[in-house]
Amino acid sequence: MTRRHWKDLTPTQRAAFVSASAVQIGLAAAAWTDLARRPQERVNGRKPLWAAAIAVNFVGPIAYLLWGRAKTKAPTP
């Protein structure tokens, strides 16, 4: 199997790659920012483990955003 280079990709493949990369970076940045600002008592689990998990492609940031943040009740007026 030969390695594919950037120049071998079609314009559509290049656009898909750039788009997927931008989404991945955006998700990871949002998750790491939230994790850094959120107090430990509002995180399900240990923060260092979530920080490492966020680095795992799309799965890590989505998992943190769905299950890593402790649910808090909205204040009632």
PDB file of N, CA and C in Angstrom:
ATOM      1  N   MET A   1       0.841  -1.168   0.000  1.00  0.00           N
ATOM      2  CA  MET A   1       0.000   0.000   0.000  1.00  0.00           C
ATOM      3  C   MET A   1       0.897   1.246   0.000  1.00  0.00           C
ATOM      4  N   THR A   2       0.590   2.161  -0.891  1.00  0.00           N
ATOM      5  CA  THR A   2       1.390   3.383  -0.973  1.00  0.00           C
ATOM      6  C   THR A   2       0.775   4.461  -0.104  1.00  0.00           C
ATOM      7  N   ARG A   3       1.626   5.300   0.360  1.00  0.00           N
ATOM      8  CA  ARG A   3       1.177   6.429   1.184  1.00  0.00           C
ATOM      9  C   ARG A   3       0.608   7.516   0.301  1.00  0.00           C
ATOM     10  N   ARG A   4      -0.495   8.113   0.739  1.00  0.00           N
ATOM     11  CA  ARG A   4      -1.087   9.216  -0.018  1.00  0.00           C
ATOM     12  C   ARG A   4      -0.554  10.522   0.533  1.00  0.00           C
ATOM     13  N   HIS A   5      -0.269  11.412  -0.349  1.00  0.00           N
ATOM     14  CA  HIS A   5       0.223  12.731   0.013  1.00  0.00           C
ATOM     15  C   HIS A   5      -0.873  13.761  -0.242  1.00  0.00           C
ATOM     16  N   TRP A   6      -0.687  14.932   0.326  1.00  0.00           N
ATOM     17  CA  TRP A   6      -1.672  16.002   0.186  1.00  0.00           C
ATOM     18  C   TRP A   6      -1.973  16.295  -1.285  1.00  0.00           C
ATOM     19  N   LYS A   7      -0.956  16.310  -2.086  1.00  0.00           N
ATOM     20  CA  LYS A   7      -1.135  16.620  -3.516  1.00  0.00           C
ATOM     21  C   LYS A   7      -1.927  15.548  -4.257  1.00  0.00           C
ATOM     22  N   ASP A   8      -2.003  14.330  -3.689  1.00  0.00           N
ATOM     23  CA  ASP A   8      -2.750  13.242  -4.310  1.00  0.00           C
ATOM     24  C   ASP A   8      -4.251  13.305  -4.017  1.00  0.00           C
ATOM     25  N   LEU A   9      -4.644  14.119  -3.048  1.00  0.00           N
ATOM     26  CA  LEU A   9      -6.052  14.211  -2.667  1.00  0.00           C
ATOM     27  C   LEU A   9      -6.818  15.124  -3.621  1.00  0.00           C
ATOM     28  N   THR A  10      -8.074  14.801  -3.804  1.00  0.00           N
ATOM     29  CA  THR A  10      -8.930  15.664  -4.619  1.00  0.00           C
ATOM     30  C   THR A  10      -9.301  16.900  -3.800  1.00  0.00           C
ATOM     31  N   PRO A  11      -9.754  17.958  -4.438  1.00  0.00           N
ATOM     32  CA  PRO A  11     -10.187  19.145  -3.683  1.00  0.00           C
ATOM     33  C   PRO A  11     -11.280  18.825  -2.656  1.00  0.00           C
ATOM     34  N   THR A  12     -12.176  17.917  -2.981  1.00  0.00           N
ATOM     35  CA  THR A  12     -13.231  17.530  -2.035  1.00  0.00           C
ATOM     36  C   THR A  12     -12.641  16.818  -0.821  1.00  0.00           C
ATOM     37  N   GLN A  13     -11.683  15.940  -1.053  1.00  0.00           N
ATOM     38  CA  GLN A  13     -11.034  15.237   0.056  1.00  0.00           C
ATOM     39  C   GLN A  13     -10.250  16.207   0.931  1.00  0.00           C
ATOM     40  N   ARG A  14      -9.600  17.159   0.311  1.00  0.00           N
ATOM     41  CA  ARG A  14      -8.859  18.164   1.081  1.00  0.00           C
ATOM     42  C   ARG A  14      -9.809  18.986   1.945  1.00  0.00           C
ATOM     43  N   ALA A  15     -10.935  19.408   1.361  1.00  0.00           N
ATOM     44  CA  ALA A  15     -11.912  20.199   2.113  1.00  0.00           C
ATOM     45  C   ALA A  15     -12.490  19.396   3.273  1.00  0.00           C
ATOM     46  N   ALA A  16     -12.770  18.122   3.047  1.00  0.00           N
ATOM     47  CA  ALA A  16     -13.297  17.261   4.104  1.00  0.00           C
ATOM     48  C   ALA A  16     -12.276  17.100   5.230  1.00  0.00           C
ATOM     49  N   PHE A  17     -11.020  16.931   4.861  1.00  0.00           N
ATOM     50  CA  PHE A  17      -9.961  16.783   5.864  1.00  0.00           C
ATOM     51  C   PHE A  17      -9.816  18.052   6.702  1.00  0.00           C
ATOM     52  N   VAL A  18      -9.794  19.199   6.036  1.00  0.00           N
ATOM     53  CA  VAL A  18      -9.651  20.476   6.749  1.00  0.00           C
ATOM     54  C   VAL A  18     -10.861  20.719   7.646  1.00  0.00           C
ATOM     55  N   SER A  19     -12.055  20.415   7.153  1.00  0.00           N
ATOM     56  CA  SER A  19     -13.271  20.599   7.947  1.00  0.00           C
ATOM     57  C   SER A  19     -13.278  19.699   9.180  1.00  0.00           C
ATOM     58  N   ALA A  20     -12.954  18.435   8.996  1.00  0.00           N
ATOM     59  CA  ALA A  20     -12.911  17.500  10.123  1.00  0.00           C
ATOM     60  C   ALA A  20     -11.852  17.919  11.141  1.00  0.00           C
ATOM     61  N   SER A  21     -10.727  18.409  10.658  1.00  0.00           N
ATOM     62  CA  SER A  21      -9.671  18.882  11.560  1.00  0.00           C
ATOM     63  C   SER A  21     -10.131  20.088  12.371  1.00  0.00           C
ATOM     64  N   ALA A  22     -10.832  21.002  11.713  1.00  0.00           N
ATOM     65  CA  ALA A  22     -11.323  22.195  12.402  1.00  0.00           C
ATOM     66  C   ALA A  22     -12.349  21.827  13.474  1.00  0.00           C
ATOM     67  N   VAL A  23     -13.221  20.885  13.155  1.00  0.00           N
ATOM     68  CA  VAL A  23     -14.204  20.436  14.146  1.00  0.00           C
ATOM     69  C   VAL A  23     -13.503  19.775  15.319  1.00  0.00           C
ATOM     70  N   GLN A  24     -12.536  18.917  15.048  1.00  0.00           N
ATOM     71  CA  GLN A  24     -11.789  18.236  16.106  1.00  0.00           C
ATOM     72  C   GLN A  24     -11.084  19.243  17.016  1.00  0.00           C
ATOM     73  N   ILE A  25     -10.398  20.198  16.433  1.00  0.00           N
ATOM     74  CA  ILE A  25      -9.673  21.201  17.222  1.00  0.00           C
ATOM     75  C   ILE A  25     -10.652  22.054  18.023  1.00  0.00           C
ATOM     76  N   GLY A  26     -11.771  22.423  17.414  1.00  0.00           N
ATOM     77  CA  GLY A  26     -12.779  23.216  18.120  1.00  0.00           C
ATOM     78  C   GLY A  26     -13.377  22.475  19.307  1.00  0.00           C
ATOM     79  N   LEU A  27     -13.722  21.202  19.101  1.00  0.00           N
ATOM     80  CA  LEU A  27     -14.260  20.403  20.202  1.00  0.00           C
ATOM     81  C   LEU A  27     -13.251  20.265  21.339  1.00  0.00           C
ATOM     82  N   ALA A  28     -12.020  19.963  20.979  1.00  0.00           N
ATOM     83  CA  ALA A  28     -10.985  19.790  22.008  1.00  0.00           C
ATOM     84  C   ALA A  28     -10.738  21.103  22.755  1.00  0.00           C
ATOM     85  N   ALA A  29     -10.683  22.210  22.041  1.00  0.00           N
ATOM     86  CA  ALA A  29     -10.464  23.505  22.696  1.00  0.00           C
ATOM     87  C   ALA A  29     -11.610  23.847  23.635  1.00  0.00           C
ATOM     88  N   ALA A  30     -12.835  23.611  23.193  1.00  0.00           N
ATOM     89  CA  ALA A  30     -13.991  23.892  24.047  1.00  0.00           C
ATOM     90  C   ALA A  30     -13.983  23.009  25.293  1.00  0.00           C
ATOM     91  N   ALA A  31     -13.677  21.736  25.115  1.00  0.00           N
ATOM     92  CA  ALA A  31     -13.673  20.806  26.246  1.00  0.00           C
ATOM     93  C   ALA A  31     -12.544  21.132  27.225  1.00  0.00           C
ATOM     94  N   TRP A  32     -11.341  21.398  26.714  1.00  0.00           N
ATOM     95  CA  TRP A  32     -10.232  21.734  27.613  1.00  0.00           C
ATOM     96  C   TRP A  32     -10.472  23.054  28.334  1.00  0.00           C
ATOM     97  N   THR A  33     -11.050  24.022  27.653  1.00  0.00           N
ATOM     98  CA  THR A  33     -11.355  25.303  28.300  1.00  0.00           C
ATOM     99  C   THR A  33     -12.375  25.103  29.411  1.00  0.00           C
ATOM    100  N   ASP A  34     -13.432  24.350  29.118  1.00  0.00           N
ATOM    101  CA  ASP A  34     -14.440  24.086  30.138  1.00  0.00           C
ATOM    102  C   ASP A  34     -13.830  23.337  31.319  1.00  0.00           C
ATOM    103  N   LEU A  35     -13.018  22.346  31.043  1.00  0.00           N
ATOM    104  CA  LEU A  35     -12.381  21.565  32.107  1.00  0.00           C
ATOM    105  C   LEU A  35     -11.472  22.436  32.967  1.00  0.00           C
ATOM    106  N   ALA A  36     -10.719  23.328  32.353  1.00  0.00           N
ATOM    107  CA  ALA A  36      -9.804  24.183  33.103  1.00  0.00           C
ATOM    108  C   ALA A  36     -10.554  25.161  34.009  1.00  0.00           C
ATOM    109  N   ARG A  37     -11.689  25.639  33.547  1.00  0.00           N
ATOM    110  CA  ARG A  37     -12.451  26.630  34.326  1.00  0.00           C
ATOM    111  C   ARG A  37     -13.400  26.005  35.339  1.00  0.00           C
ATOM    112  N   ARG A  38     -13.745  24.758  35.168  1.00  0.00           N
ATOM    113  CA  ARG A  38     -14.731  24.095  36.039  1.00  0.00           C
ATOM    114  C   ARG A  38     -14.042  23.586  37.304  1.00  0.00           C
ATOM    115  N   PRO A  39     -14.603  23.876  38.491  1.00  0.00           N
ATOM    116  CA  PRO A  39     -14.021  23.357  39.740  1.00  0.00           C
ATOM    117  C   PRO A  39     -14.105  21.828  39.790  1.00  0.00           C
ATOM    118  N   GLN A  40     -13.175  21.209  40.482  1.00  0.00           N
ATOM    119  CA  GLN A  40     -13.102  19.743  40.569  1.00  0.00           C
ATOM    120  C   GLN A  40     -14.420  19.138  41.043  1.00  0.00           C
ATOM    121  N   GLU A  41     -15.096  19.780  41.963  1.00  0.00           N
ATOM    122  CA  GLU A  41     -16.340  19.204  42.499  1.00  0.00           C
ATOM    123  C   GLU A  41     -17.478  19.196  41.468  1.00  0.00           C
ATOM    124  N   ARG A  42     -17.303  19.887  40.345  1.00  0.00           N
ATOM    125  CA  ARG A  42     -18.315  19.895  39.287  1.00  0.00           C
ATOM    126  C   ARG A  42     -17.868  19.074  38.075  1.00  0.00           C
ATOM    127  N   VAL A  43     -16.890  18.179  38.312  1.00  0.00           N
ATOM    128  CA  VAL A  43     -16.400  17.273  37.259  1.00  0.00           C
ATOM    129  C   VAL A  43     -16.610  15.845  37.734  1.00  0.00           C
ATOM    130  N   ASN A  44     -17.187  15.022  36.879  1.00  0.00           N
ATOM    131  CA  ASN A  44     -17.350  13.595  37.190  1.00  0.00           C
ATOM    132  C   ASN A  44     -16.019  12.894  36.926  1.00  0.00           C
ATOM    133  N   GLY A  45     -15.304  12.559  37.971  1.00  0.00           N
ATOM    134  CA  GLY A  45     -14.005  11.910  37.816  1.00  0.00           C
ATOM    135  C   GLY A  45     -12.868  12.889  38.060  1.00  0.00           C
ATOM    136  N   ARG A  46     -11.659  12.434  37.734  1.00  0.00           N
ATOM    137  CA  ARG A  46     -10.468  13.249  37.974  1.00  0.00           C
ATOM    138  C   ARG A  46     -10.147  14.091  36.753  1.00  0.00           C
ATOM    139  N   LYS A  47      -9.823  15.340  36.991  1.00  0.00           N
ATOM    140  CA  LYS A  47      -9.543  16.272  35.900  1.00  0.00           C
ATOM    141  C   LYS A  47      -8.361  15.843  35.025  1.00  0.00           C
ATOM    142  N   PRO A  48      -7.256  15.341  35.586  1.00  0.00           N
ATOM    143  CA  PRO A  48      -6.146  14.924  34.716  1.00  0.00           C
ATOM    144  C   PRO A  48      -6.537  13.793  33.753  1.00  0.00           C
ATOM    145  N   LEU A  49      -7.387  12.898  34.204  1.00  0.00           N
ATOM    146  CA  LEU A  49      -7.823  11.815  33.319  1.00  0.00           C
ATOM    147  C   LEU A  49      -8.712  12.352  32.200  1.00  0.00           C
ATOM    148  N   TRP A  50      -9.583  13.283  32.525  1.00  0.00           N
ATOM    149  CA  TRP A  50     -10.418  13.878  31.483  1.00  0.00           C
ATOM    150  C   TRP A  50      -9.565  14.686  30.512  1.00  0.00           C
ATOM    151  N   ALA A  51      -8.548  15.370  31.015  1.00  0.00           N
ATOM    152  CA  ALA A  51      -7.673  16.143  30.126  1.00  0.00           C
ATOM    153  C   ALA A  51      -6.988  15.228  29.118  1.00  0.00           C
ATOM    154  N   ALA A  52      -6.564  14.057  29.565  1.00  0.00           N
ATOM    155  CA  ALA A  52      -5.940  13.091  28.654  1.00  0.00           C
ATOM    156  C   ALA A  52      -6.971  12.511  27.691  1.00  0.00           C
ATOM    157  N   ALA A  53      -8.169  12.240  28.178  1.00  0.00           N
ATOM    158  CA  ALA A  53      -9.213  11.657  27.332  1.00  0.00           C
ATOM    159  C   ALA A  53      -9.627  12.618  26.230  1.00  0.00           C
ATOM    160  N   ILE A  54      -9.620  13.903  26.510  1.00  0.00           N
ATOM    161  CA  ILE A  54     -10.017  14.897  25.514  1.00  0.00           C
ATOM    162  C   ILE A  54      -9.099  14.849  24.296  1.00  0.00           C
ATOM    163  N   ALA A  55      -7.863  14.405  24.482  1.00  0.00           N
ATOM    164  CA  ALA A  55      -6.910  14.337  23.379  1.00  0.00           C
ATOM    165  C   ALA A  55      -7.223  13.219  22.380  1.00  0.00           C
ATOM    166  N   VAL A  56      -8.179  12.343  22.713  1.00  0.00           N
ATOM    167  CA  VAL A  56      -8.510  11.214  21.842  1.00  0.00           C
ATOM    168  C   VAL A  56      -9.546  11.664  20.815  1.00  0.00           C
ATOM    169  N   ASN A  57      -9.081  12.012  19.637  1.00  0.00           N
ATOM    170  CA  ASN A  57      -9.908  12.436  18.505  1.00  0.00           C
ATOM    171  C   ASN A  57     -11.272  12.983  18.893  1.00  0.00           C
ATOM    172  N   PHE A  58     -12.315  12.598  18.183  1.00  0.00           N
ATOM    173  CA  PHE A  58     -13.646  13.140  18.438  1.00  0.00           C
ATOM    174  C   PHE A  58     -14.270  12.547  19.695  1.00  0.00           C
ATOM    175  N   VAL A  59     -13.890  11.340  20.034  1.00  0.00           N
ATOM    176  CA  VAL A  59     -14.522  10.618  21.132  1.00  0.00           C
ATOM    177  C   VAL A  59     -14.280  11.295  22.477  1.00  0.00           C
ATOM    178  N   GLY A  60     -13.066  11.710  22.756  1.00  0.00           N
ATOM    179  CA  GLY A  60     -12.726  12.286  24.052  1.00  0.00           C
ATOM    180  C   GLY A  60     -13.478  13.566  24.378  1.00  0.00           C
ATOM    181  N   PRO A  61     -13.424  14.577  23.512  1.00  0.00           N
ATOM    182  CA  PRO A  61     -14.149  15.810  23.822  1.00  0.00           C
ATOM    183  C   PRO A  61     -15.656  15.601  23.935  1.00  0.00           C
ATOM    184  N   ILE A  62     -16.217  14.785  23.065  1.00  0.00           N
ATOM    185  CA  ILE A  62     -17.660  14.538  23.133  1.00  0.00           C
ATOM    186  C   ILE A  62     -18.012  13.802  24.420  1.00  0.00           C
ATOM    187  N   ALA A  63     -17.207  12.817  24.812  1.00  0.00           N
ATOM    188  CA  ALA A  63     -17.453  12.093  26.060  1.00  0.00           C
ATOM    189  C   ALA A  63     -17.383  13.034  27.255  1.00  0.00           C
ATOM    190  N   TYR A  64     -16.383  13.910  27.286  1.00  0.00           N
ATOM    191  CA  TYR A  64     -16.287  14.850  28.401  1.00  0.00           C
ATOM    192  C   TYR A  64     -17.495  15.778  28.443  1.00  0.00           C
ATOM    193  N   LEU A  65     -17.865  16.336  27.296  1.00  0.00           N
ATOM    194  CA  LEU A  65     -18.982  17.280  27.269  1.00  0.00           C
ATOM    195  C   LEU A  65     -20.302  16.601  27.640  1.00  0.00           C
ATOM    196  N   LEU A  66     -20.453  15.327  27.341  1.00  0.00           N
ATOM    197  CA  LEU A  66     -21.687  14.619  27.684  1.00  0.00           C
ATOM    198  C   LEU A  66     -21.686  14.061  29.102  1.00  0.00           C
ATOM    199  N   TRP A  67     -20.586  13.423  29.511  1.00  0.00           N
ATOM    200  CA  TRP A  67     -20.577  12.706  30.777  1.00  0.00           C
ATOM    201  C   TRP A  67     -19.572  13.214  31.803  1.00  0.00           C
ATOM    202  N   GLY A  68     -18.624  14.029  31.415  1.00  0.00           N
ATOM    203  CA  GLY A  68     -17.586  14.460  32.343  1.00  0.00           C
ATOM    204  C   GLY A  68     -17.984  15.599  33.253  1.00  0.00           C
ATOM    205  N   ARG A  69     -18.985  16.351  32.845  1.00  0.00           N
ATOM    206  CA  ARG A  69     -19.412  17.492  33.650  1.00  0.00           C
ATOM    207  C   ARG A  69     -20.553  17.067  34.560  1.00  0.00           C
ATOM    208  N   ALA A  70     -20.429  17.386  35.847  1.00  0.00           N
ATOM    209  CA  ALA A  70     -21.483  17.055  36.804  1.00  0.00           C
ATOM    210  C   ALA A  70     -22.699  17.928  36.525  1.00  0.00           C
ATOM    211  N   LYS A  71     -23.850  17.306  36.578  1.00  0.00           N
ATOM    212  CA  LYS A  71     -25.091  18.033  36.341  1.00  0.00           C
ATOM    213  C   LYS A  71     -25.413  18.890  37.568  1.00  0.00           C
ATOM    214  N   THR A  72     -25.794  20.109  37.299  1.00  0.00           N
ATOM    215  CA  THR A  72     -26.224  20.988  38.390  1.00  0.00           C
ATOM    216  C   THR A  72     -27.647  21.436  38.101  1.00  0.00           C
ATOM    217  N   LYS A  73     -28.391  21.608  39.148  1.00  0.00           N
ATOM    218  CA  LYS A  73     -29.770  22.049  38.983  1.00  0.00           C
ATOM    219  C   LYS A  73     -29.792  23.541  38.750  1.00  0.00           C
ATOM    220  N   ALA A  74     -30.661  23.968  37.874  1.00  0.00           N
ATOM    221  CA  ALA A  74     -30.819  25.395  37.603  1.00  0.00           C
ATOM    222  C   ALA A  74     -31.465  26.053  38.822  1.00  0.00           C
ATOM    223  N   PRO A  75     -31.007  27.246  39.185  1.00  0.00           N
ATOM    224  CA  PRO A  75     -31.618  27.919  40.338  1.00  0.00           C
ATOM    225  C   PRO A  75     -33.068  28.289  40.043  1.00  0.00           C
ATOM    226  N   THR A  76     -33.898  28.084  41.036  1.00  0.00           N
ATOM    227  CA  THR A  76     -35.314  28.430  40.862  1.00  0.00           C
ATOM    228  C   THR A  76     -35.545  29.854  41.353  1.00  0.00           C
ATOM    229  N   PRO A  77     -36.379  30.600  40.650  1.00  0.00           N
ATOM    230  CA  PRO A  77     -36.595  32.004  41.061  1.00  0.00           C
ATOM    231  C   PRO A  77     -37.416  32.132  42.306  1.00  0.00           C
TER     232      PRO A  77
END
